[in-house]
Amino acid sequence: MSFIEAFKKELEAEAIQTRRMLEIVPTDKMDWRPHPKSMNIKTLATHLAEIPLMIVMGLKHDKWDFGNSPYQPADCNNAEELLACFDDCIAEARIALDESTDDILQNLWQMCSGDQVWLTLEKWETFRHAMGQNAHHRAQLQVCLRLLDIPVPGPYGPSADEM
């Protein structure tokens, strides 16, 4: 199995779990945040929905320069909009993976803003980084929902709510 094929398999498995979390985001709690320094649920869930775009940028481009192309997050106001955004981003990531081969995976990629470099990774690492970000932000969202007494799914087995 190639690395790209393994990445496709992992993306599909993680997409199922991310979708389960985005499905239960409550419209009436989009502005809620657990702490003043925390993202609100809308910002967090939208970011989670758009993480697959990092895979696209990592595989199809040599850098993501926010200075030359400012990033404007989607405006998702409910679970349906979050899921539509996520589905679009997953579709783009699938295409990027379908159009990629293992021979590009050791090429360098950067995330930057002009001359300020935030990350320099090999392209294969951009996929791994995106998957790490996905798990991290999905867990953050799970904690927020738990604090709001919303039952949450377990991504790798049953959650306490599903037992």
N, C-alpha and C. Protein backbone atom coordinates (compact mmCIF):
# COMPACT_ATOMS: atom_id res chain seq x y z
N MET A 1 0.84 -1.17 0.00
CA MET A 1 0.00 0.00 0.00
C MET A 1 0.89 1.24 0.00
N SER A 2 0.56 2.20 -0.84
CA SER A 2 1.32 3.45 -0.88
C SER A 2 0.93 4.32 0.32
N PHE A 3 1.74 5.32 0.59
CA PHE A 3 1.40 6.28 1.65
C PHE A 3 0.10 7.00 1.30
N ILE A 4 -0.04 7.40 0.04
CA ILE A 4 -1.26 8.10 -0.38
C ILE A 4 -2.49 7.22 -0.12
N GLU A 5 -2.40 5.95 -0.44
CA GLU A 5 -3.53 5.05 -0.19
C GLU A 5 -3.81 4.94 1.31
N ALA A 6 -2.78 4.89 2.12
CA ALA A 6 -2.97 4.84 3.58
C ALA A 6 -3.61 6.14 4.07
N PHE A 7 -3.17 7.27 3.52
CA PHE A 7 -3.75 8.57 3.90
C PHE A 7 -5.24 8.61 3.54
N LYS A 8 -5.59 8.09 2.37
CA LYS A 8 -7.01 8.06 1.96
C LYS A 8 -7.84 7.27 2.96
N LYS A 9 -7.32 6.13 3.36
CA LYS A 9 -8.04 5.28 4.31
C LYS A 9 -8.21 6.00 5.65
N GLU A 10 -7.16 6.64 6.12
CA GLU A 10 -7.24 7.36 7.39
C GLU A 10 -8.20 8.54 7.30
N LEU A 11 -8.15 9.28 6.20
CA LEU A 11 -9.05 10.42 6.02
C LEU A 11 -10.51 9.97 6.11
N GLU A 12 -10.84 8.88 5.46
CA GLU A 12 -12.23 8.39 5.47
C GLU A 12 -12.65 7.99 6.88
N ALA A 13 -11.80 7.31 7.60
CA ALA A 13 -12.14 6.90 8.97
C ALA A 13 -12.33 8.10 9.89
N GLU A 14 -11.44 9.07 9.79
CA GLU A 14 -11.54 10.25 10.66
C GLU A 14 -12.71 11.14 10.25
N ALA A 15 -13.03 11.18 8.96
CA ALA A 15 -14.16 12.00 8.49
C ALA A 15 -15.47 11.52 9.11
N ILE A 16 -15.62 10.23 9.26
CA ILE A 16 -16.85 9.69 9.88
C ILE A 16 -16.99 10.22 11.29
N GLN A 17 -15.90 10.21 12.05
CA GLN A 17 -15.95 10.65 13.45
C GLN A 17 -16.12 12.17 13.56
N THR A 18 -15.47 12.91 12.69
CA THR A 18 -15.62 14.37 12.71
C THR A 18 -17.05 14.74 12.36
N ARG A 19 -17.61 14.08 11.38
CA ARG A 19 -19.00 14.34 10.96
C ARG A 19 -19.96 14.11 12.14
N ARG A 20 -19.72 13.05 12.92
CA ARG A 20 -20.57 12.76 14.09
C ARG A 20 -20.56 13.92 15.09
N MET A 21 -19.41 14.56 15.24
CA MET A 21 -19.33 15.70 16.17
C MET A 21 -20.01 16.93 15.59
N LEU A 22 -19.80 17.19 14.32
CA LEU A 22 -20.39 18.39 13.70
C LEU A 22 -21.91 18.29 13.64
N GLU A 23 -22.44 17.09 13.53
CA GLU A 23 -23.90 16.88 13.47
C GLU A 23 -24.62 17.35 14.72
N ILE A 24 -23.94 17.36 15.85
CA ILE A 24 -24.61 17.67 17.12
C ILE A 24 -24.32 19.07 17.64
N VAL A 25 -23.66 19.90 16.84
CA VAL A 25 -23.39 21.27 17.28
C VAL A 25 -24.73 22.03 17.35
N PRO A 26 -25.05 22.56 18.53
CA PRO A 26 -26.34 23.23 18.71
C PRO A 26 -26.33 24.67 18.19
N THR A 27 -27.30 24.99 17.36
CA THR A 27 -27.41 26.33 16.79
C THR A 27 -27.50 27.40 17.86
N ASP A 28 -28.20 27.11 18.95
CA ASP A 28 -28.41 28.12 19.99
C ASP A 28 -27.20 28.32 20.91
N LYS A 29 -26.12 27.57 20.67
CA LYS A 29 -24.92 27.71 21.50
C LYS A 29 -23.69 28.11 20.69
N MET A 30 -23.89 28.61 19.49
CA MET A 30 -22.75 28.93 18.61
C MET A 30 -21.82 29.99 19.22
N ASP A 31 -22.33 30.87 20.03
CA ASP A 31 -21.50 31.92 20.62
C ASP A 31 -20.90 31.52 21.97
N TRP A 32 -21.25 30.34 22.47
CA TRP A 32 -20.77 29.90 23.78
C TRP A 32 -19.29 29.55 23.72
N ARG A 33 -18.58 29.91 24.78
CA ARG A 33 -17.17 29.54 24.93
C ARG A 33 -16.92 29.21 26.39
N PRO A 34 -16.02 28.24 26.65
CA PRO A 34 -15.79 27.83 28.05
C PRO A 34 -14.93 28.82 28.82
N HIS A 35 -14.26 29.71 28.13
CA HIS A 35 -13.34 30.66 28.76
C HIS A 35 -13.19 31.85 27.82
N PRO A 36 -12.97 33.05 28.35
CA PRO A 36 -12.83 34.21 27.46
C PRO A 36 -11.71 34.08 26.41
N LYS A 37 -10.67 33.31 26.71
CA LYS A 37 -9.57 33.14 25.75
C LYS A 37 -9.84 32.00 24.76
N SER A 38 -10.90 31.25 24.96
CA SER A 38 -11.23 30.12 24.08
C SER A 38 -12.02 30.59 22.87
N MET A 39 -11.93 29.82 21.79
CA MET A 39 -12.79 30.07 20.64
C MET A 39 -14.23 29.76 21.04
N ASN A 40 -15.18 30.47 20.42
CA ASN A 40 -16.56 30.07 20.63
C ASN A 40 -16.85 28.83 19.79
N ILE A 41 -17.98 28.19 20.04
CA ILE A 41 -18.30 26.93 19.37
C ILE A 41 -18.36 27.11 17.86
N LYS A 42 -18.91 28.22 17.40
CA LYS A 42 -19.01 28.45 15.95
C LYS A 42 -17.63 28.48 15.31
N THR A 43 -16.71 29.23 15.89
CA THR A 43 -15.36 29.34 15.34
C THR A 43 -14.64 28.00 15.39
N LEU A 44 -14.76 27.31 16.51
CA LEU A 44 -14.10 26.02 16.68
C LEU A 44 -14.66 24.98 15.70
N ALA A 45 -15.97 24.88 15.62
CA ALA A 45 -16.59 23.89 14.74
C ALA A 45 -16.31 24.20 13.27
N THR A 46 -16.31 25.48 12.91
CA THR A 46 -16.00 25.86 11.53
C THR A 46 -14.56 25.51 11.20
N HIS A 47 -13.66 25.80 12.13
CA HIS A 47 -12.25 25.44 11.92
C HIS A 47 -12.11 23.93 11.74
N LEU A 48 -12.79 23.16 12.56
CA LEU A 48 -12.76 21.71 12.45
C LEU A 48 -13.27 21.27 11.08
N ALA A 49 -14.33 21.86 10.62
CA ALA A 49 -14.90 21.51 9.31
C ALA A 49 -13.94 21.81 8.17
N GLU A 50 -13.12 22.84 8.33
CA GLU A 50 -12.22 23.27 7.25
C GLU A 50 -10.81 22.67 7.31
N ILE A 51 -10.49 21.92 8.34
CA ILE A 51 -9.15 21.33 8.45
C ILE A 51 -8.73 20.52 7.22
N PRO A 52 -9.62 19.80 6.55
CA PRO A 52 -9.18 19.06 5.36
C PRO A 52 -8.53 19.95 4.28
N LEU A 53 -8.80 21.24 4.32
CA LEU A 53 -8.17 22.14 3.34
C LEU A 53 -6.65 22.19 3.53
N MET A 54 -6.18 21.91 4.76
CA MET A 54 -4.73 21.87 4.98
C MET A 54 -4.10 20.74 4.18
N ILE A 55 -4.82 19.65 4.02
CA ILE A 55 -4.33 18.54 3.20
C ILE A 55 -4.21 18.99 1.75
N VAL A 56 -5.22 19.70 1.29
CA VAL A 56 -5.21 20.22 -0.08
C VAL A 56 -4.02 21.15 -0.28
N MET A 57 -3.86 22.09 0.63
CA MET A 57 -2.76 23.06 0.50
C MET A 57 -1.40 22.36 0.59
N GLY A 58 -1.30 21.38 1.47
CA GLY A 58 -0.04 20.68 1.65
C GLY A 58 0.37 19.84 0.45
N LEU A 59 -0.59 19.23 -0.20
CA LEU A 59 -0.27 18.36 -1.33
C LEU A 59 -0.17 19.09 -2.66
N LYS A 60 -1.00 20.10 -2.85
CA LYS A 60 -1.08 20.75 -4.16
C LYS A 60 -0.19 21.99 -4.31
N HIS A 61 0.31 22.49 -3.19
CA HIS A 61 1.08 23.74 -3.22
C HIS A 61 2.36 23.57 -2.41
N ASP A 62 3.31 24.48 -2.61
CA ASP A 62 4.55 24.44 -1.85
C ASP A 62 4.50 25.30 -0.60
N LYS A 63 3.48 26.17 -0.53
CA LYS A 63 3.31 26.97 0.68
C LYS A 63 1.90 27.50 0.75
N TRP A 64 1.54 27.84 1.98
CA TRP A 64 0.27 28.52 2.24
C TRP A 64 0.66 29.84 2.87
N ASP A 65 0.61 30.89 2.07
CA ASP A 65 1.05 32.22 2.50
C ASP A 65 -0.17 33.09 2.80
N PHE A 66 -0.47 33.24 4.07
CA PHE A 66 -1.61 34.03 4.49
C PHE A 66 -1.41 35.52 4.20
N GLY A 67 -0.17 35.94 4.02
CA GLY A 67 0.11 37.32 3.68
C GLY A 67 -0.32 37.67 2.26
N ASN A 68 -0.16 36.72 1.34
CA ASN A 68 -0.52 36.95 -0.06
C ASN A 68 -1.95 36.56 -0.38
N SER A 69 -2.51 35.69 0.42
CA SER A 69 -3.92 35.29 0.20
C SER A 69 -4.58 35.10 1.56
N PRO A 70 -5.07 36.19 2.13
CA PRO A 70 -5.69 36.11 3.46
C PRO A 70 -6.80 35.07 3.50
N TYR A 71 -6.85 34.37 4.60
CA TYR A 71 -7.82 33.30 4.78
C TYR A 71 -9.10 33.85 5.38
N GLN A 72 -10.21 33.57 4.75
CA GLN A 72 -11.52 33.97 5.26
C GLN A 72 -12.30 32.71 5.60
N PRO A 73 -12.47 32.40 6.89
CA PRO A 73 -13.21 31.18 7.25
C PRO A 73 -14.65 31.23 6.75
N ALA A 74 -15.22 30.07 6.55
CA ALA A 74 -16.62 29.97 6.17
C ALA A 74 -17.49 30.53 7.29
N ASP A 75 -18.69 30.93 6.96
CA ASP A 75 -19.65 31.45 7.93
C ASP A 75 -20.73 30.41 8.14
N CYS A 76 -20.47 29.48 9.06
CA CYS A 76 -21.39 28.37 9.33
C CYS A 76 -22.20 28.70 10.58
N ASN A 77 -23.51 28.75 10.45
CA ASN A 77 -24.36 29.17 11.54
C ASN A 77 -25.19 28.07 12.17
N ASN A 78 -25.05 26.84 11.66
CA ASN A 78 -25.79 25.71 12.23
C ASN A 78 -25.12 24.41 11.78
N ALA A 79 -25.59 23.31 12.30
CA ALA A 79 -24.99 22.01 11.99
C ALA A 79 -25.08 21.69 10.50
N GLU A 80 -26.19 22.04 9.88
CA GLU A 80 -26.34 21.76 8.45
C GLU A 80 -25.28 22.49 7.62
N GLU A 81 -25.03 23.75 7.94
CA GLU A 81 -24.01 24.51 7.23
C GLU A 81 -22.61 23.98 7.53
N LEU A 82 -22.38 23.58 8.77
CA LEU A 82 -21.09 22.97 9.12
C LEU A 82 -20.85 21.70 8.32
N LEU A 83 -21.88 20.86 8.22
CA LEU A 83 -21.74 19.60 7.48
C LEU A 83 -21.54 19.84 5.99
N ALA A 84 -22.22 20.82 5.44
CA ALA A 84 -22.03 21.14 4.01
C ALA A 84 -20.62 21.63 3.77
N CYS A 85 -20.12 22.49 4.64
CA CYS A 85 -18.74 22.98 4.54
C CYS A 85 -17.76 21.82 4.66
N PHE A 86 -17.95 20.98 5.66
CA PHE A 86 -17.08 19.83 5.87
C PHE A 86 -17.09 18.91 4.65
N ASP A 87 -18.26 18.62 4.14
CA ASP A 87 -18.36 17.75 2.96
C ASP A 87 -17.59 18.33 1.77
N ASP A 88 -17.70 19.64 1.57
CA ASP A 88 -16.95 20.30 0.48
C ASP A 88 -15.44 20.17 0.71
N CYS A 89 -15.01 20.40 1.94
CA CYS A 89 -13.57 20.33 2.25
C CYS A 89 -13.04 18.91 2.14
N ILE A 90 -13.80 17.94 2.59
CA ILE A 90 -13.41 16.53 2.45
C ILE A 90 -13.32 16.16 0.97
N ALA A 91 -14.27 16.63 0.18
CA ALA A 91 -14.25 16.34 -1.26
C ALA A 91 -12.98 16.90 -1.90
N GLU A 92 -12.59 18.11 -1.51
CA GLU A 92 -11.36 18.71 -2.04
C GLU A 92 -10.13 17.90 -1.60
N ALA A 93 -10.12 17.44 -0.35
CA ALA A 93 -8.99 16.65 0.15
C ALA A 93 -8.91 15.32 -0.60
N ARG A 94 -10.05 14.71 -0.90
CA ARG A 94 -10.05 13.45 -1.67
C ARG A 94 -9.44 13.66 -3.05
N ILE A 95 -9.82 14.76 -3.69
CA ILE A 95 -9.28 15.07 -5.02
C ILE A 95 -7.77 15.28 -4.94
N ALA A 96 -7.33 16.03 -3.94
CA ALA A 96 -5.89 16.29 -3.78
C ALA A 96 -5.14 14.97 -3.58
N LEU A 97 -5.69 14.07 -2.78
CA LEU A 97 -5.05 12.77 -2.58
C LEU A 97 -5.07 11.94 -3.87
N ASP A 98 -6.19 11.96 -4.59
CA ASP A 98 -6.28 11.21 -5.85
C ASP A 98 -5.28 11.71 -6.88
N GLU A 99 -4.97 13.00 -6.84
CA GLU A 99 -4.06 13.59 -7.82
C GLU A 99 -2.60 13.56 -7.37
N SER A 100 -2.33 13.02 -6.19
CA SER A 100 -0.97 13.00 -5.64
C SER A 100 -0.37 11.60 -5.70
N THR A 101 0.95 11.57 -5.66
CA THR A 101 1.68 10.31 -5.60
C THR A 101 2.74 10.40 -4.50
N ASP A 102 3.21 9.24 -4.08
CA ASP A 102 4.19 9.21 -3.00
C ASP A 102 5.47 9.97 -3.33
N ASP A 103 5.79 10.13 -4.61
CA ASP A 103 7.07 10.76 -4.96
C ASP A 103 7.14 12.25 -4.59
N ILE A 104 6.03 12.89 -4.27
CA ILE A 104 6.08 14.31 -3.85
C ILE A 104 6.15 14.47 -2.34
N LEU A 105 5.96 13.39 -1.60
CA LEU A 105 5.73 13.49 -0.16
C LEU A 105 6.92 13.99 0.65
N GLN A 106 8.12 13.92 0.09
CA GLN A 106 9.27 14.45 0.82
C GLN A 106 9.62 15.88 0.41
N ASN A 107 8.87 16.45 -0.51
CA ASN A 107 9.07 17.86 -0.87
C ASN A 107 8.66 18.75 0.30
N LEU A 108 9.33 19.89 0.43
CA LEU A 108 9.03 20.80 1.54
C LEU A 108 7.80 21.66 1.26
N TRP A 109 7.13 22.00 2.34
CA TRP A 109 5.95 22.86 2.32
C TRP A 109 6.06 23.82 3.49
N GLN A 110 5.56 25.04 3.29
CA GLN A 110 5.59 26.03 4.38
C GLN A 110 4.22 26.64 4.60
N MET A 111 3.96 26.97 5.85
CA MET A 111 2.83 27.82 6.22
C MET A 111 3.45 29.11 6.75
N CYS A 112 3.04 30.22 6.15
CA CYS A 112 3.69 31.48 6.50
C CYS A 112 2.76 32.66 6.27
N SER A 113 3.26 33.81 6.66
CA SER A 113 2.63 35.08 6.32
C SER A 113 3.78 35.98 5.89
N GLY A 114 3.94 36.08 4.57
CA GLY A 114 5.08 36.82 4.04
C GLY A 114 6.38 36.16 4.48
N ASP A 115 7.25 36.93 5.13
CA ASP A 115 8.54 36.41 5.57
C ASP A 115 8.48 35.66 6.91
N GLN A 116 7.34 35.75 7.60
CA GLN A 116 7.20 35.05 8.88
C GLN A 116 6.76 33.61 8.61
N VAL A 117 7.66 32.67 8.86
CA VAL A 117 7.38 31.25 8.63
C VAL A 117 6.90 30.62 9.93
N TRP A 118 5.73 29.99 9.87
CA TRP A 118 5.16 29.33 11.04
C TRP A 118 5.50 27.86 11.06
N LEU A 119 5.47 27.21 9.91
CA LEU A 119 5.75 25.78 9.81
C LEU A 119 6.53 25.49 8.54
N THR A 120 7.50 24.62 8.64
CA THR A 120 8.15 24.03 7.47
C THR A 120 8.09 22.53 7.67
N LEU A 121 7.39 21.86 6.78
CA LEU A 121 7.18 20.42 6.89
C LEU A 121 7.41 19.77 5.54
N GLU A 122 7.69 18.48 5.56
CA GLU A 122 7.61 17.73 4.32
C GLU A 122 6.13 17.50 4.04
N LYS A 123 5.78 17.35 2.77
CA LYS A 123 4.37 17.24 2.40
C LYS A 123 3.65 16.11 3.12
N TRP A 124 4.33 14.99 3.35
CA TRP A 124 3.67 13.91 4.09
C TRP A 124 3.31 14.35 5.49
N GLU A 125 4.14 15.24 6.06
CA GLU A 125 3.88 15.73 7.42
C GLU A 125 2.68 16.66 7.46
N THR A 126 2.36 17.31 6.34
CA THR A 126 1.17 18.18 6.34
C THR A 126 -0.08 17.35 6.55
N PHE A 127 -0.11 16.16 5.95
CA PHE A 127 -1.25 15.27 6.18
C PHE A 127 -1.31 14.87 7.64
N ARG A 128 -0.19 14.43 8.20
CA ARG A 128 -0.15 14.01 9.61
C ARG A 128 -0.54 15.18 10.52
N HIS A 129 -0.03 16.38 10.21
CA HIS A 129 -0.36 17.57 11.01
C HIS A 129 -1.86 17.85 10.95
N ALA A 130 -2.45 17.75 9.77
CA ALA A 130 -3.89 17.97 9.63
C ALA A 130 -4.68 16.95 10.45
N MET A 131 -4.25 15.71 10.44
CA MET A 131 -4.95 14.69 11.22
C MET A 131 -4.80 14.96 12.72
N GLY A 132 -3.62 15.42 13.14
CA GLY A 132 -3.43 15.79 14.54
C GLY A 132 -4.31 16.96 14.94
N GLN A 133 -4.39 17.96 14.06
CA GLN A 133 -5.25 19.11 14.32
C GLN A 133 -6.71 18.68 14.39
N ASN A 134 -7.10 17.76 13.51
CA ASN A 134 -8.47 17.26 13.50
C ASN A 134 -8.81 16.61 14.85
N ALA A 135 -7.96 15.73 15.33
CA ALA A 135 -8.22 15.06 16.61
C ALA A 135 -8.24 16.07 17.75
N HIS A 136 -7.31 17.00 17.73
CA HIS A 136 -7.20 18.00 18.79
C HIS A 136 -8.47 18.86 18.86
N HIS A 137 -8.87 19.42 17.73
CA HIS A 137 -10.03 20.32 17.73
C HIS A 137 -11.34 19.56 17.90
N ARG A 138 -11.39 18.33 17.43
CA ARG A 138 -12.59 17.52 17.67
C ARG A 138 -12.73 17.26 19.17
N ALA A 139 -11.63 16.99 19.86
CA ALA A 139 -11.67 16.78 21.31
C ALA A 139 -12.05 18.06 22.04
N GLN A 140 -11.54 19.20 21.57
CA GLN A 140 -11.95 20.47 22.18
C GLN A 140 -13.45 20.66 22.06
N LEU A 141 -13.98 20.40 20.87
CA LEU A 141 -15.43 20.54 20.66
C LEU A 141 -16.19 19.57 21.55
N GLN A 142 -15.68 18.37 21.69
CA GLN A 142 -16.33 17.38 22.54
C GLN A 142 -16.41 17.87 23.99
N VAL A 143 -15.33 18.46 24.48
CA VAL A 143 -15.35 18.99 25.85
C VAL A 143 -16.35 20.13 25.97
N CYS A 144 -16.40 21.02 24.99
CA CYS A 144 -17.37 22.12 25.03
C CYS A 144 -18.79 21.57 25.09
N LEU A 145 -19.09 20.60 24.24
CA LEU A 145 -20.43 20.03 24.23
C LEU A 145 -20.74 19.31 25.54
N ARG A 146 -19.76 18.62 26.07
CA ARG A 146 -19.94 17.94 27.35
C ARG A 146 -20.25 18.96 28.45
N LEU A 147 -19.55 20.08 28.45
CA LEU A 147 -19.81 21.13 29.45
C LEU A 147 -21.21 21.71 29.33
N LEU A 148 -21.80 21.59 28.14
CA LEU A 148 -23.17 22.06 27.91
C LEU A 148 -24.19 20.94 28.13
N ASP A 149 -23.73 19.82 28.67
CA ASP A 149 -24.58 18.65 28.93
C ASP A 149 -25.21 18.08 27.67
N ILE A 150 -24.48 18.16 26.57
CA ILE A 150 -24.92 17.56 25.31
C ILE A 150 -24.20 16.21 25.19
N PRO A 151 -24.94 15.12 25.06
CA PRO A 151 -24.30 13.80 24.92
C PRO A 151 -23.39 13.77 23.68
N VAL A 152 -22.21 13.20 23.84
CA VAL A 152 -21.22 13.18 22.76
C VAL A 152 -20.87 11.76 22.36
N PRO A 153 -20.55 11.57 21.07
CA PRO A 153 -20.12 10.26 20.62
C PRO A 153 -18.65 10.03 20.94
N GLY A 154 -18.30 8.78 21.12
CA GLY A 154 -16.90 8.41 21.29
C GLY A 154 -16.30 8.11 19.93
N PRO A 155 -15.14 8.66 19.61
CA PRO A 155 -14.59 8.44 18.27
C PRO A 155 -13.97 7.06 18.05
N TYR A 156 -13.45 6.44 19.10
CA TYR A 156 -12.74 5.18 18.93
C TYR A 156 -13.28 4.11 19.86
N GLY A 157 -14.56 4.16 20.07
CA GLY A 157 -15.26 3.29 21.00
C GLY A 157 -16.34 4.12 21.66
N PRO A 158 -17.19 3.49 22.46
CA PRO A 158 -18.29 4.25 23.04
C PRO A 158 -17.83 5.30 24.05
N SER A 159 -18.52 6.44 24.03
CA SER A 159 -18.28 7.46 25.05
C SER A 159 -19.07 7.07 26.30
N ALA A 160 -18.88 7.81 27.36
CA ALA A 160 -19.66 7.56 28.60
C ALA A 160 -21.15 7.72 28.33
N ASP A 161 -21.50 8.58 27.37
CA ASP A 161 -22.91 8.79 27.03
C ASP A 161 -23.50 7.61 26.26
N GLU A 162 -22.64 6.83 25.63
CA GLU A 162 -23.12 5.72 24.82
C GLU A 162 -23.05 4.38 25.55
N MET A 163 -22.51 4.37 26.75
CA MET A 163 -22.36 3.12 27.51
C MET A 163 -23.70 2.68 28.07
